[in-house]
């Protein structure tokens, strides 16, 4: 399994710049922020603060800061918190000072990235906290927003979980459709093992009989798909430490504890990235 460690390296600057510039171009088109241009003098200065409006975990500050600086490099962005920090309502995340038109032109793009990624980090942290008493580790999937996979997986790490494979290129994951075409579990595993050349191989099963067949074929990582906690416990007992076990399917706040307590190593959760609610953060001009 392609799992990234718990550290949180910064997002690549080139990626941040590309995503921000694409988002700003979408928002501005050729005319820019015509509202601010109409009602705010060109040389007006402003001081603004981004605040959390609810509990959560912060992620996306690099993108937010880049959005402000992309329009006016003279804007001063001061961070008061870091990605991965726990937020309470009314926490001040960052302050921005400088040209008012530039500040407001970048506001929505900055908050969109910050709210979206903080929402992912917050949902992730909720599940991580729930299973903290177990040995299981939460990880994500490839069910990400097209074009945003790298930053969404970054947000998962900010929330305290790990990343599964980044794409189809960095690990072999044999799923049910692969097995059907290949002619069965044994045949699919053998073909993958012959061609893997050191790449991790994982195979998906959904019954204990399939699981035993996968173990007999030398599987080192097994995805136990949509198994109830009792069946997961049986799989752990049958495994006897031979393979790394990942549980997947219908994982949420109500089911994750029982799944983790079964003894599996990893729990993959697509909902971390495809269903996380945007965290509520806002920007307000300080007129004091």
Protein backbone atom coordinates (compact mmCIF):
# COMPACT_ATOMS: atom_id res chain seq x y z
CA UNK A 1 0.00 0.00 0.00
CA UNK A 2 1.32 3.45 -0.87
CA UNK A 3 1.03 5.23 2.48
CA UNK A 4 2.57 8.59 3.26
CA UNK A 5 3.90 9.21 6.74
CA UNK A 6 2.28 11.61 9.19
CA UNK A 7 4.53 14.57 8.41
CA UNK A 8 3.07 17.55 6.57
CA UNK A 9 5.53 18.83 3.96
CA UNK A 10 4.54 22.09 2.27
CA UNK A 11 2.62 22.01 -0.98
CA UNK A 12 4.85 22.53 -4.04
CA UNK A 13 4.97 26.23 -4.89
CA UNK A 14 4.39 25.57 -8.59
CA UNK A 15 1.20 23.64 -7.80
CA UNK A 16 -0.07 26.38 -5.49
CA UNK A 17 0.59 29.06 -8.09
CA UNK A 18 -1.12 27.11 -10.86
CA UNK A 19 -4.26 26.36 -8.86
CA UNK A 20 -4.56 29.91 -7.59
CA UNK A 21 -4.01 31.49 -10.99
CA UNK A 22 -6.61 29.20 -12.56
CA UNK A 23 -9.13 30.06 -9.88
CA UNK A 24 -8.50 33.78 -10.10
CA UNK A 25 -8.77 33.73 -13.90
CA UNK A 26 -12.12 31.96 -13.55
CA UNK A 27 -13.33 34.60 -11.10
CA UNK A 28 -11.98 37.72 -12.78
CA UNK A 29 -12.24 36.94 -16.51
CA UNK A 30 -11.00 40.04 -18.38
CA UNK A 31 -12.63 42.78 -16.29
CA UNK A 32 -11.56 41.89 -12.78
CA UNK A 33 -13.58 42.81 -9.71
CA UNK A 34 -15.88 45.44 -11.19
CA UNK A 35 -17.75 45.91 -7.89
CA UNK A 36 -14.66 46.93 -5.93
CA UNK A 37 -13.47 49.04 -8.83
CA UNK A 38 -16.80 50.88 -8.82
CA UNK A 39 -17.16 51.62 -5.12
CA UNK A 40 -13.63 51.70 -3.65
CA UNK A 41 -11.00 54.35 -4.51
CA UNK A 42 -7.94 52.83 -6.25
CA UNK A 43 -5.55 53.84 -3.49
CA UNK A 44 -7.76 52.91 -0.52
CA UNK A 45 -6.06 50.75 2.10
CA UNK A 46 -7.68 48.08 4.28
CA UNK A 47 -6.89 45.72 7.12
CA UNK A 48 -8.79 42.42 7.20
CA UNK A 49 -8.82 39.31 9.35
CA UNK A 50 -9.79 35.77 8.47
CA UNK A 51 -11.58 34.06 11.35
CA UNK A 52 -12.93 30.61 11.98
CA UNK A 53 -16.65 30.57 12.64
CA UNK A 54 -16.81 27.03 13.98
CA UNK A 55 -14.69 24.21 15.39
CA UNK A 56 -12.42 22.43 12.96
CA UNK A 57 -8.90 21.84 11.68
CA UNK A 58 -7.07 24.33 9.49
CA UNK A 59 -5.69 23.52 6.03
CA UNK A 60 -4.96 25.53 2.90
CA UNK A 61 -3.08 28.59 4.14
CA UNK A 62 -0.52 28.45 1.33
CA UNK A 63 -3.30 28.68 -1.26
CA UNK A 64 -5.09 31.46 0.59
CA UNK A 65 -1.94 33.55 0.94
CA UNK A 66 -1.00 32.97 -2.70
CA UNK A 67 -4.43 34.18 -3.81
CA UNK A 68 -3.91 37.51 -2.09
CA UNK A 69 -0.34 37.96 -3.30
CA UNK A 70 -1.13 36.96 -6.89
CA UNK A 71 -3.01 40.21 -7.50
CA UNK A 72 -0.82 42.51 -5.43
CA UNK A 73 2.53 41.32 -4.14
CA UNK A 74 2.57 44.28 -1.75
CA UNK A 75 -0.31 42.88 0.29
CA UNK A 76 0.94 41.86 3.72
CA UNK A 77 -0.34 38.46 4.87
CA UNK A 78 0.39 37.54 8.49
CA UNK A 79 -0.43 34.03 9.59
CA UNK A 80 -1.53 33.50 13.17
CA UNK A 81 -2.04 29.75 12.90
CA UNK A 82 -0.64 26.81 10.94
CA UNK A 83 -2.15 24.07 8.81
CA UNK A 84 -3.10 21.18 11.07
CA UNK A 85 -3.99 23.47 13.99
CA UNK A 86 -7.29 22.90 15.79
CA UNK A 87 -9.72 25.80 15.42
CA UNK A 88 -12.33 27.14 17.77
CA UNK A 89 -15.01 29.64 16.83
CA UNK A 90 -13.64 33.18 16.41
CA UNK A 91 -10.00 32.12 16.16
CA UNK A 92 -8.02 34.57 14.06
CA UNK A 93 -6.30 32.63 11.29
CA UNK A 94 -4.54 35.39 9.36
CA UNK A 95 -4.57 39.14 8.78
CA UNK A 96 -4.20 40.87 5.42
CA UNK A 97 -3.20 44.50 4.99
CA UNK A 98 -2.83 46.61 1.86
CA UNK A 99 -4.72 47.82 -1.17
CA UNK A 100 -8.44 47.33 -0.55
CA UNK A 101 -9.37 46.55 -4.15
CA UNK A 102 -6.71 43.84 -4.40
CA UNK A 103 -7.64 42.38 -1.04
CA UNK A 104 -11.33 42.04 -1.93
CA UNK A 105 -10.61 40.75 -5.43
CA UNK A 106 -8.83 37.74 -3.95
CA UNK A 107 -11.13 37.16 -0.97
CA UNK A 108 -13.44 34.53 -2.42
CA UNK A 109 -10.74 32.39 -4.03
CA UNK A 110 -8.74 32.45 -0.79
CA UNK A 111 -11.74 31.47 1.33
CA UNK A 112 -12.91 28.82 -1.14
CA UNK A 113 -9.61 26.96 -0.89
CA UNK A 114 -9.30 27.52 2.85
CA UNK A 115 -12.86 26.39 3.61
CA UNK A 116 -12.75 23.37 1.32
CA UNK A 117 -9.42 22.03 2.56
CA UNK A 118 -10.18 22.84 6.20
CA UNK A 119 -13.45 20.94 5.80
CA UNK A 120 -11.53 17.87 4.64
CA UNK A 121 -9.01 18.21 7.46
CA UNK A 122 -11.82 18.63 9.99
CA UNK A 123 -13.75 15.55 8.84
CA UNK A 124 -10.53 13.58 8.83
CA UNK A 125 -9.61 14.64 12.36
CA UNK A 126 -13.07 13.66 13.60
CA UNK A 127 -12.58 10.06 12.44
CA UNK A 128 -8.97 9.95 13.60
CA UNK A 129 -10.02 11.07 17.08
CA UNK A 130 -12.77 8.45 17.26
CA UNK A 131 -10.34 5.56 16.73
CA UNK A 132 -7.41 6.93 18.68
CA UNK A 133 -7.61 4.03 21.14
CA UNK A 134 -7.00 1.45 18.38
CA UNK A 135 -4.06 0.50 16.16
CA UNK A 136 -5.92 1.31 12.95
CA UNK A 137 -4.95 4.22 10.72
CA UNK A 138 -7.36 6.27 8.63
CA UNK A 139 -6.38 6.86 5.00
CA UNK A 140 -7.97 8.41 1.93
CA UNK A 141 -8.82 7.14 -1.57
CA UNK A 142 -8.72 8.35 -5.18
CA UNK A 143 -12.26 9.73 -4.84
CA UNK A 144 -11.06 13.30 -5.12
CA UNK A 145 -12.12 16.41 -7.03
CA UNK A 146 -10.52 16.32 -10.50
CA UNK A 147 -7.52 18.62 -10.53
CA UNK A 148 -7.41 18.98 -6.75
CA UNK A 149 -6.13 15.56 -5.68
CA UNK A 150 -2.77 16.72 -4.37
CA UNK A 151 -4.20 19.50 -2.20
CA UNK A 152 -7.12 17.39 -0.96
CA UNK A 153 -4.74 14.62 0.05
CA UNK A 154 -2.59 17.26 1.74
CA UNK A 155 -5.66 18.29 3.75
CA UNK A 156 -6.18 14.68 4.81
CA UNK A 157 -2.66 14.67 6.24
CA UNK A 158 -3.35 17.99 7.96
CA UNK A 159 -6.25 16.23 9.66
CA UNK A 160 -3.96 13.51 11.02
CA UNK A 161 -4.56 10.66 8.57
CA UNK A 162 -2.46 9.05 5.83
CA UNK A 163 -2.61 8.97 2.06
CA UNK A 164 -3.38 5.89 0.02
CA UNK A 165 -1.93 5.71 -3.49
CA UNK A 166 -1.96 8.99 -5.39
CA UNK A 167 -2.96 7.49 -8.71
CA UNK A 168 -3.04 4.45 -10.94
CA UNK A 169 0.72 4.73 -11.43
CA UNK A 170 2.25 4.20 -7.97
CA UNK A 171 0.70 0.97 -6.64
CA UNK A 172 -1.19 -2.04 -7.97
CA UNK A 173 -4.71 -2.38 -6.56
CA UNK A 174 -6.52 -5.39 -7.99
CA UNK A 175 -10.27 -4.78 -7.68
CA UNK A 176 -13.29 -6.93 -8.47
CA UNK A 177 -13.44 -5.95 -12.13
CA UNK A 178 -9.75 -6.73 -12.61
CA UNK A 179 -10.35 -10.14 -11.00
CA UNK A 180 -13.33 -10.82 -13.25
CA UNK A 181 -11.37 -10.07 -16.42
CA UNK A 182 -8.20 -11.84 -15.27
CA UNK A 183 -10.05 -15.08 -14.48
CA UNK A 184 -10.01 -15.12 -10.69
CA UNK A 185 -8.05 -14.10 -7.63
CA UNK A 186 -5.17 -16.53 -8.09
CA UNK A 187 -4.71 -15.63 -11.75
CA UNK A 188 -4.87 -11.88 -11.09
CA UNK A 189 -2.38 -12.08 -8.23
CA UNK A 190 0.06 -14.22 -10.22
CA UNK A 191 -0.06 -11.84 -13.19
CA UNK A 192 0.54 -8.83 -10.94
CA UNK A 193 3.38 -10.52 -9.06
CA UNK A 194 5.10 -11.38 -12.33
CA UNK A 195 5.04 -7.76 -13.48
CA UNK A 196 5.14 -5.69 -10.27
CA UNK A 197 8.91 -5.04 -10.24
CA UNK A 198 8.85 -3.94 -6.62
CA UNK A 199 5.61 -1.94 -6.79
CA UNK A 200 3.21 -2.65 -3.88
CA UNK A 201 0.37 -5.06 -4.74
CA UNK A 202 -3.00 -4.93 -3.00
CA UNK A 203 -6.03 -7.09 -3.81
CA UNK A 204 -9.68 -6.49 -2.96
CA UNK A 205 -11.91 -9.25 -1.55
CA UNK A 206 -15.44 -9.23 -0.17
CA UNK A 207 -15.81 -12.72 1.33
CA UNK A 208 -13.71 -14.80 3.71
CA UNK A 209 -13.34 -17.48 1.05
CA UNK A 210 -11.83 -14.93 -1.31
CA UNK A 211 -9.63 -13.68 1.50
CA UNK A 212 -8.23 -17.15 2.14
CA UNK A 213 -7.61 -17.58 -1.57
CA UNK A 214 -5.74 -14.27 -1.64
CA UNK A 215 -3.56 -15.33 1.31
CA UNK A 216 -2.84 -18.65 -0.36
CA UNK A 217 -1.71 -16.73 -3.44
CA UNK A 218 0.82 -14.75 -1.42
CA UNK A 219 -1.09 -11.49 -1.06
CA UNK A 220 0.79 -9.01 1.11
CA UNK A 221 -1.91 -6.33 1.28
CA UNK A 222 -5.63 -7.14 1.22
CA UNK A 223 -8.54 -4.74 0.94
CA UNK A 224 -11.53 -6.12 2.86
CA UNK A 225 -14.41 -4.46 1.08
CA UNK A 226 -17.76 -3.81 2.73
CA UNK A 227 -17.28 -6.44 5.43
CA UNK A 228 -19.23 -6.15 8.68
CA UNK A 229 -17.14 -5.85 11.88
CA UNK A 230 -17.72 -9.50 12.81
CA UNK A 231 -16.40 -10.63 9.44
CA UNK A 232 -13.46 -8.26 9.74
CA UNK A 233 -12.56 -9.83 13.09
CA UNK A 234 -12.67 -13.26 11.51
CA UNK A 235 -10.39 -12.06 8.74
CA UNK A 236 -7.92 -10.69 11.29
CA UNK A 237 -7.90 -14.06 13.07
CA UNK A 238 -7.42 -15.97 9.81
CA UNK A 239 -4.66 -13.61 8.75
CA UNK A 240 -2.39 -14.25 11.74
CA UNK A 241 -0.28 -11.25 10.80
CA UNK A 242 0.57 -12.47 7.31
CA UNK A 243 -0.83 -9.55 5.28
CA UNK A 244 -1.54 -5.86 5.87
CA UNK A 245 -5.31 -5.49 6.14
CA UNK A 246 -7.33 -2.52 4.93
CA UNK A 247 -11.06 -2.14 5.55
CA UNK A 248 -13.23 -0.11 3.21
CA UNK A 249 -16.87 0.62 2.52
CA UNK A 250 -19.61 2.62 4.26
CA UNK A 251 -17.20 4.12 6.78
CA UNK A 252 -18.62 7.02 8.77
CA UNK A 253 -18.77 8.39 12.30
CA UNK A 254 -21.24 5.68 13.35
CA UNK A 255 -19.30 2.70 11.96
CA UNK A 256 -15.62 3.60 12.17
CA UNK A 257 -15.04 2.58 15.81
CA UNK A 258 -16.34 -0.98 15.36
CA UNK A 259 -14.32 -1.32 12.18
CA UNK A 260 -11.15 -0.11 13.89
CA UNK A 261 -11.70 -2.35 16.90
CA UNK A 262 -11.77 -5.40 14.62
CA UNK A 263 -7.99 -5.22 14.43
CA UNK A 264 -7.42 -4.09 10.83
CA UNK A 265 -4.39 -1.98 10.00
CA UNK A 266 -5.98 0.69 7.80
CA UNK A 267 -9.42 2.08 7.12
CA UNK A 268 -9.85 3.86 3.80
CA UNK A 269 -12.56 6.51 3.62
CA UNK A 270 -13.63 8.06 0.33
CA UNK A 271 -15.93 10.47 2.14
CA UNK A 272 -12.93 12.38 3.51
CA UNK A 273 -12.52 14.02 0.12
CA UNK A 274 -15.77 13.51 -1.77
CA UNK A 275 -18.25 14.44 0.97
CA UNK A 276 -16.53 16.74 3.45
CA UNK A 277 -18.55 19.86 4.29
CA UNK A 278 -16.82 23.20 3.77
CA UNK A 279 -15.63 24.67 7.05
CA UNK A 280 -17.05 28.10 7.76
CA UNK A 281 -14.34 30.76 7.75
CA UNK A 282 -14.93 34.42 6.98
CA UNK A 283 -13.01 37.57 6.15
CA UNK A 284 -13.97 40.86 7.75
CA UNK A 285 -12.55 44.35 7.23
CA UNK A 286 -11.37 45.87 10.49
CA UNK A 287 -12.86 49.37 10.66
CA UNK A 288 -11.82 50.09 14.23
